Amino acid sequence: MKTISRSIQAGLMLAACLAGVPSAASGAEIPEAGDPPALADGSVRRYVRYRFTMQNGTDQIVPRMELWACAPLRETSTQRVLELHANPACEERTDGLGNQLLVFVFSNVPPYAVRLATVETTLEMRAEPEKLAADRERFLRAEALYEHDNEAFGRLVPPFPKGTTEQTVRAIYDWVRAHLRDTGYDGKDRGALQALTQGAGDCTEYATLFAALCRRAGIPARAVGGYLADRDTLLEPGAYHNWAEYHLDGRWHLVDPLAGRFREKEEQHVATRILGESDTPLGNHPRFRLIGEGCRAEMSKP
């Protein structure tokens, strides 16, 4: 566990959040809109910020309220966290999937009281993936959301042409795009098996079916959640999206079957979650989870 602290005064932060503008006390102002400058190696530095609003919805004091929130993944082939700041102070934990989680704890929350949490981070985003080791056994496994050991896969999935790994991946990508119908945002992680049998789904099903078929073919793969950001930005819940990655030649490569992106614009995908059942209280919640009887939370819009 690691503690993240900020010297931000609560009163100034509250005023700034209610006004919908960054706090002068935060030490980090939102850069002007526009494309960030590219570095010598073709990567870009990107600043993102997001916040949560929590409330005790009861007429009783809540002894303990916990917010478990996903932070940008510390290191992927296309992303590295350079700086991460949170207000108020929180603990950072890593789950068994490799997700970075921020744990905010609020004690003795008065009736109907509101609490705020803000996360700011600077990322290095790469257009060309860098080498990064993968747990091959972990990302070939048949499990919830990636149920490629189910008999339906043998019955409904055609044999893909034999060739190079890259050719197999491309054939899987093309088949998923042709086989599935976009249902629009669903809000639930239904997984590869339902996508296969129903022939439909949202970005989650496109990503998990692609990853499951790669795993079935012996290619490590995973579905990833996060946000599309082509510039410095305030993240909002409506921008959340799921895509997939497969591991080849020592690198994770990004594929978005729903959006029709095959290893394109990888530096515009800010990853915050590897999809699967977390071994922490986050469970299978995609962005955050609030623990506290009668309490509610939302990711605030800018």
Protein backbone atom coordinates (compact mmCIF):
# COMPACT_ATOMS: atom_id res chain seq x y z
CA MET A 1 0.00 0.00 0.00
CA LYS A 2 1.16 3.56 -0.66
CA THR A 3 -0.23 6.80 0.70
CA ILE A 4 -0.90 9.65 -1.74
CA SER A 5 -1.15 13.09 -0.13
CA ARG A 6 -1.98 16.59 -1.34
CA SER A 7 -1.60 19.92 0.42
CA ILE A 8 -4.96 21.18 -0.78
CA GLN A 9 -7.26 23.05 1.56
CA ALA A 10 -10.69 21.49 1.82
CA GLY A 11 -12.55 24.79 1.67
CA LEU A 12 -10.83 25.91 -1.53
CA MET A 13 -11.32 22.53 -3.13
CA LEU A 14 -15.02 22.49 -2.29
CA ALA A 15 -15.50 25.96 -3.72
CA ALA A 16 -13.63 25.05 -6.90
CA CYS A 17 -15.57 21.85 -7.43
CA LEU A 18 -18.91 23.54 -6.87
CA ALA A 19 -17.91 26.23 -9.32
CA GLY A 20 -16.82 23.65 -11.87
CA VAL A 21 -13.32 25.12 -12.24
CA PRO A 22 -9.89 23.94 -11.04
CA SER A 23 -8.73 25.18 -7.63
CA ALA A 24 -5.83 27.61 -7.49
CA ALA A 25 -4.71 25.77 -4.36
CA SER A 26 -4.46 22.49 -6.21
CA GLY A 27 -1.21 23.52 -7.86
CA ALA A 28 -2.37 22.21 -11.24
CA GLU A 29 -4.50 24.22 -13.63
CA ILE A 30 -6.24 22.73 -16.62
CA PRO A 31 -4.03 23.42 -19.67
CA GLU A 32 -5.59 25.17 -22.59
CA ALA A 33 -7.38 22.90 -25.05
CA GLY A 34 -5.32 21.62 -27.93
CA ASP A 35 -3.05 18.82 -28.94
CA PRO A 36 -0.16 18.29 -26.50
CA PRO A 37 3.32 18.62 -27.97
CA ALA A 38 4.94 15.40 -29.16
CA LEU A 39 8.20 14.35 -27.52
CA ALA A 40 11.30 13.31 -29.46
CA ASP A 41 10.27 9.64 -29.47
CA GLY A 42 6.79 10.39 -30.80
CA SER A 43 5.03 10.04 -27.43
CA VAL A 44 2.95 12.79 -25.83
CA ARG A 45 2.41 13.95 -22.27
CA ARG A 46 -1.22 14.20 -21.33
CA TYR A 47 -2.84 15.70 -18.25
CA VAL A 48 -6.18 14.27 -17.13
CA ARG A 49 -8.34 15.03 -14.13
CA TYR A 50 -11.52 13.53 -12.73
CA ARG A 51 -13.55 13.77 -9.55
CA PHE A 52 -16.20 12.01 -7.52
CA THR A 53 -19.11 13.34 -5.47
CA MET A 54 -20.32 11.22 -2.54
CA GLN A 55 -23.22 11.76 -0.18
CA ASN A 56 -24.58 10.22 2.98
CA GLY A 57 -28.21 9.86 1.96
CA THR A 58 -29.46 9.04 5.44
CA ASP A 59 -30.40 10.97 8.59
CA GLN A 60 -27.76 9.05 10.56
CA ILE A 61 -24.01 9.48 10.94
CA VAL A 62 -22.14 6.97 8.77
CA PRO A 63 -19.10 5.75 10.75
CA ARG A 64 -17.05 4.85 7.67
CA MET A 65 -17.50 5.56 3.97
CA GLU A 66 -15.00 4.10 1.47
CA LEU A 67 -14.55 4.97 -2.17
CA TRP A 68 -12.60 2.46 -4.27
CA ALA A 69 -11.71 4.16 -7.56
CA CYS A 70 -9.70 3.04 -10.58
CA ALA A 71 -6.63 5.10 -11.41
CA PRO A 72 -4.80 5.02 -14.75
CA LEU A 73 -2.74 1.84 -15.09
CA ARG A 74 0.80 2.51 -13.95
CA GLU A 75 2.46 0.89 -16.96
CA THR A 76 1.22 -0.57 -20.23
CA SER A 77 2.95 -0.80 -23.59
CA THR A 78 1.39 2.54 -24.58
CA GLN A 79 0.98 4.33 -21.25
CA ARG A 80 3.08 5.31 -18.23
CA VAL A 81 1.99 7.34 -15.19
CA LEU A 82 4.47 10.18 -14.59
CA GLU A 83 2.62 11.91 -11.76
CA LEU A 84 -0.47 11.07 -9.72
CA HIS A 85 -2.07 13.33 -7.13
CA ALA A 86 -5.26 12.83 -5.15
CA ASN A 87 -7.28 14.99 -2.79
CA PRO A 88 -7.97 14.08 -0.02
CA ALA A 89 -5.10 11.78 0.92
CA CYS A 90 -5.75 8.15 0.03
CA GLU A 91 -4.16 4.71 -0.16
CA GLU A 92 -3.05 3.11 -3.42
CA ARG A 93 -3.45 -0.63 -3.93
CA THR A 94 -2.80 -3.00 -6.82
CA ASP A 95 -5.15 -5.93 -7.40
CA GLY A 96 -4.36 -9.33 -8.89
CA LEU A 97 -5.18 -8.12 -12.40
CA GLY A 98 -2.70 -5.26 -12.17
CA ASN A 99 -5.28 -2.51 -11.68
CA GLN A 100 -4.26 0.55 -9.67
CA LEU A 101 -6.91 1.40 -7.09
CA LEU A 102 -7.26 4.51 -4.94
CA VAL A 103 -8.99 4.03 -1.60
CA PHE A 104 -10.52 7.16 -0.03
CA VAL A 105 -11.81 6.78 3.54
CA PHE A 106 -14.19 9.22 5.23
CA SER A 107 -15.02 8.81 8.92
CA ASN A 108 -18.16 9.85 10.83
CA VAL A 109 -19.93 11.39 7.84
CA PRO A 110 -22.85 13.55 9.08
CA PRO A 111 -26.40 13.06 7.79
CA TYR A 112 -26.82 14.16 4.17
CA ALA A 113 -23.23 15.45 4.07
CA VAL A 114 -21.33 15.60 0.77
CA ARG A 115 -17.71 14.55 0.32
CA LEU A 116 -15.51 15.13 -2.74
CA ALA A 117 -12.48 13.31 -4.16
CA THR A 118 -10.30 14.52 -7.03
CA VAL A 119 -7.62 12.72 -9.02
CA GLU A 120 -5.05 14.44 -11.24
CA THR A 121 -2.45 12.63 -13.30
CA THR A 122 0.14 13.28 -15.98
CA LEU A 123 0.68 10.44 -18.42
CA GLU A 124 3.18 9.55 -21.09
CA MET A 125 1.19 8.16 -24.01
CA ARG A 126 2.96 6.29 -26.81
CA ALA A 127 1.90 5.84 -30.42
CA GLU A 128 4.34 2.94 -30.77
CA PRO A 129 4.01 0.24 -28.07
CA GLU A 130 7.06 -0.54 -25.95
CA LYS A 131 8.07 -3.98 -24.77
CA LEU A 132 6.36 -5.12 -21.58
CA ALA A 133 6.29 -8.64 -20.17
CA ALA A 134 2.96 -10.45 -19.84
CA ASP A 135 1.82 -13.30 -17.63
CA ARG A 136 1.10 -15.66 -20.50
CA GLU A 137 -0.77 -18.24 -18.39
CA ARG A 138 -2.91 -15.53 -16.79
CA PHE A 139 -4.03 -14.04 -20.08
CA LEU A 140 -4.75 -17.35 -21.80
CA ARG A 141 -7.10 -18.49 -19.03
CA ALA A 142 -10.78 -19.27 -19.59
CA GLU A 143 -12.72 -17.38 -16.91
CA ALA A 144 -15.69 -15.10 -16.36
CA LEU A 145 -16.09 -12.76 -19.35
CA TYR A 146 -13.64 -14.90 -21.38
CA GLU A 147 -15.46 -18.26 -21.43
CA HIS A 148 -13.68 -19.78 -24.42
CA ASP A 149 -13.81 -23.28 -22.89
CA ASN A 150 -17.59 -23.36 -23.34
CA GLU A 151 -18.81 -25.80 -26.01
CA ALA A 152 -20.52 -22.97 -27.86
CA PHE A 153 -17.16 -21.70 -29.02
CA GLY A 154 -16.40 -24.99 -30.77
CA ARG A 155 -19.88 -25.05 -32.28
CA LEU A 156 -20.32 -21.42 -33.38
CA VAL A 157 -16.83 -20.18 -34.18
CA PRO A 158 -15.40 -21.12 -37.58
CA PRO A 159 -11.79 -22.25 -37.87
CA PHE A 160 -9.58 -19.29 -38.62
CA PRO A 161 -7.07 -19.53 -41.48
CA LYS A 162 -3.68 -20.77 -40.36
CA GLY A 163 -0.85 -18.31 -40.84
CA THR A 164 1.21 -15.94 -38.74
CA THR A 165 -0.02 -14.82 -35.34
CA GLU A 166 -0.71 -11.39 -36.77
CA GLN A 167 -2.83 -12.91 -39.54
CA THR A 168 -4.79 -14.94 -36.99
CA VAL A 169 -5.41 -11.86 -34.85
CA ARG A 170 -6.60 -9.91 -37.87
CA ALA A 171 -8.94 -12.73 -38.88
CA ILE A 172 -10.42 -12.78 -35.37
CA TYR A 173 -10.86 -9.01 -35.42
CA ASP A 174 -12.60 -9.09 -38.80
CA TRP A 175 -14.88 -11.95 -37.71
CA VAL A 176 -15.93 -10.21 -34.48
CA ARG A 177 -16.77 -7.03 -36.36
CA ALA A 178 -18.81 -8.98 -38.90
CA HIS A 179 -20.51 -11.28 -36.36
CA LEU A 180 -21.66 -8.78 -33.73
CA ARG A 181 -24.34 -6.13 -33.86
CA ASP A 182 -23.87 -3.01 -31.74
CA THR A 183 -26.68 -2.72 -29.18
CA GLY A 184 -25.55 0.61 -27.81
CA TYR A 185 -24.41 1.16 -24.24
CA ASP A 186 -25.64 -1.53 -21.87
CA GLY A 187 -23.91 -0.81 -18.56
CA LYS A 188 -23.33 -4.46 -17.64
CA ASP A 189 -20.33 -6.66 -18.41
CA ARG A 190 -22.03 -9.62 -20.11
CA GLY A 191 -18.92 -11.16 -21.60
CA ALA A 192 -17.78 -13.21 -24.56
CA LEU A 193 -20.17 -16.14 -24.28
CA GLN A 194 -23.29 -14.01 -24.43
CA ALA A 195 -21.80 -11.95 -27.24
CA LEU A 196 -21.13 -15.12 -29.20
CA THR A 197 -24.54 -16.73 -28.65
CA GLN A 198 -26.59 -13.54 -29.05
CA GLY A 199 -24.53 -12.03 -31.83
CA ALA A 200 -24.81 -8.61 -30.22
CA GLY A 201 -23.41 -6.40 -27.50
CA ASP A 202 -21.76 -3.13 -26.66
CA CYS A 203 -18.06 -2.28 -26.46
CA THR A 204 -17.59 -4.73 -23.55
CA GLU A 205 -18.83 -7.68 -25.57
CA TYR A 206 -16.84 -6.73 -28.66
CA ALA A 207 -13.67 -6.51 -26.56
CA THR A 208 -14.19 -9.64 -24.46
CA LEU A 209 -15.21 -11.80 -27.44
CA PHE A 210 -12.11 -10.70 -29.34
CA ALA A 211 -9.90 -11.42 -26.31
CA ALA A 212 -11.55 -14.79 -25.64
CA LEU A 213 -11.04 -15.91 -29.26
CA CYS A 214 -7.39 -14.84 -29.09
CA ARG A 215 -6.92 -16.82 -25.88
CA ARG A 216 -8.56 -19.82 -27.52
CA ALA A 217 -6.03 -19.52 -30.34
CA GLY A 218 -3.14 -19.43 -27.85
CA ILE A 219 -2.58 -15.66 -28.03
CA PRO A 220 -2.54 -13.80 -24.67
CA ALA A 221 -5.24 -11.12 -24.68
CA ARG A 222 -7.41 -9.02 -22.37
CA ALA A 223 -10.19 -6.45 -22.42
CA VAL A 224 -9.30 -3.02 -21.08
CA GLY A 225 -11.47 -0.13 -19.94
CA GLY A 226 -10.72 3.56 -19.86
CA TYR A 227 -11.30 6.82 -21.67
CA LEU A 228 -10.64 8.22 -25.12
CA ALA A 229 -8.59 11.38 -24.82
CA ASP A 230 -6.78 13.08 -27.69
CA ARG A 231 -5.81 16.10 -25.57
CA ASP A 232 -5.49 17.28 -21.96
CA THR A 233 -8.95 16.86 -20.50
CA LEU A 234 -11.37 16.49 -17.62
CA LEU A 235 -12.66 12.92 -17.78
CA GLU A 236 -16.39 12.36 -17.60
CA PRO A 237 -18.42 9.17 -17.14
CA GLY A 238 -19.92 9.30 -20.63
CA ALA A 239 -16.47 8.95 -22.17
CA TYR A 240 -15.83 5.53 -20.59
CA HIS A 241 -15.13 2.81 -23.16
CA ASN A 242 -13.79 -0.75 -23.43
CA TRP A 243 -11.31 -2.08 -25.97
CA ALA A 244 -8.92 -5.06 -26.20
CA GLU A 245 -5.20 -5.78 -26.22
CA TYR A 246 -3.25 -8.81 -27.44
CA HIS A 247 0.37 -9.66 -26.63
CA LEU A 248 2.81 -10.30 -29.48
CA ASP A 249 6.56 -9.81 -29.85
CA GLY A 250 6.82 -8.74 -26.22
CA ARG A 251 4.31 -5.89 -26.56
CA TRP A 252 0.63 -5.28 -25.86
CA HIS A 253 -1.13 -4.05 -29.01
CA LEU A 254 -4.45 -2.21 -28.92
CA VAL A 255 -7.51 -3.29 -30.88
CA ASP A 256 -10.98 -1.74 -30.73
CA PRO A 257 -13.39 -3.98 -32.67
CA LEU A 258 -16.43 -1.79 -32.05
CA ALA A 259 -14.77 1.44 -33.19
CA GLY A 260 -12.99 -0.28 -36.08
CA ARG A 261 -9.47 0.49 -34.87
CA PHE A 262 -6.75 -2.09 -35.41
CA ARG A 263 -3.51 -0.83 -33.81
CA GLU A 264 -4.50 2.76 -34.54
CA LYS A 265 -4.38 5.88 -32.34
CA GLU A 266 -3.13 3.83 -29.41
CA GLU A 267 -1.85 6.96 -27.67
CA GLN A 268 -5.43 8.27 -27.36
CA HIS A 269 -6.62 5.46 -25.07
CA VAL A 270 -6.18 6.17 -21.34
CA ALA A 271 -6.41 2.76 -19.65
CA THR A 272 -7.83 2.58 -16.12
CA ARG A 273 -8.97 -1.03 -15.77
CA ILE A 274 -8.15 -4.54 -16.94
CA LEU A 275 -11.52 -6.26 -17.14
CA GLY A 276 -12.14 -9.17 -14.79
CA GLU A 277 -13.15 -9.89 -11.20
CA SER A 278 -10.92 -7.85 -8.90
CA ASP A 279 -9.72 -9.56 -5.72
CA THR A 280 -10.45 -6.34 -3.83
CA PRO A 281 -13.76 -4.75 -2.76
CA LEU A 282 -13.93 -3.18 -6.25
CA GLY A 283 -15.17 -6.58 -7.50
CA ASN A 284 -16.47 -6.23 -11.05
CA HIS A 285 -17.40 -2.56 -10.81
CA PRO A 286 -16.01 -0.84 -13.92
CA ARG A 287 -14.95 2.58 -12.59
CA PHE A 288 -15.50 2.83 -8.83
CA ARG A 289 -17.39 1.42 -5.87
CA LEU A 290 -18.68 3.22 -2.78
CA ILE A 291 -19.03 1.29 0.49
CA GLY A 292 -21.22 2.80 3.19
CA GLU A 293 -24.81 2.09 4.18
CA GLY A 294 -27.19 4.59 2.61
CA CYS A 295 -24.40 6.35 0.71
CA ARG A 296 -24.22 7.08 -2.99
CA ALA A 297 -21.56 8.32 -5.37
CA GLU A 298 -21.15 9.53 -8.92
CA MET A 299 -18.27 10.46 -11.15
CA SER A 300 -18.88 14.16 -11.59
CA LYS A 301 -19.15 15.78 -14.97
CA PRO A 302 -16.75 18.66 -15.65
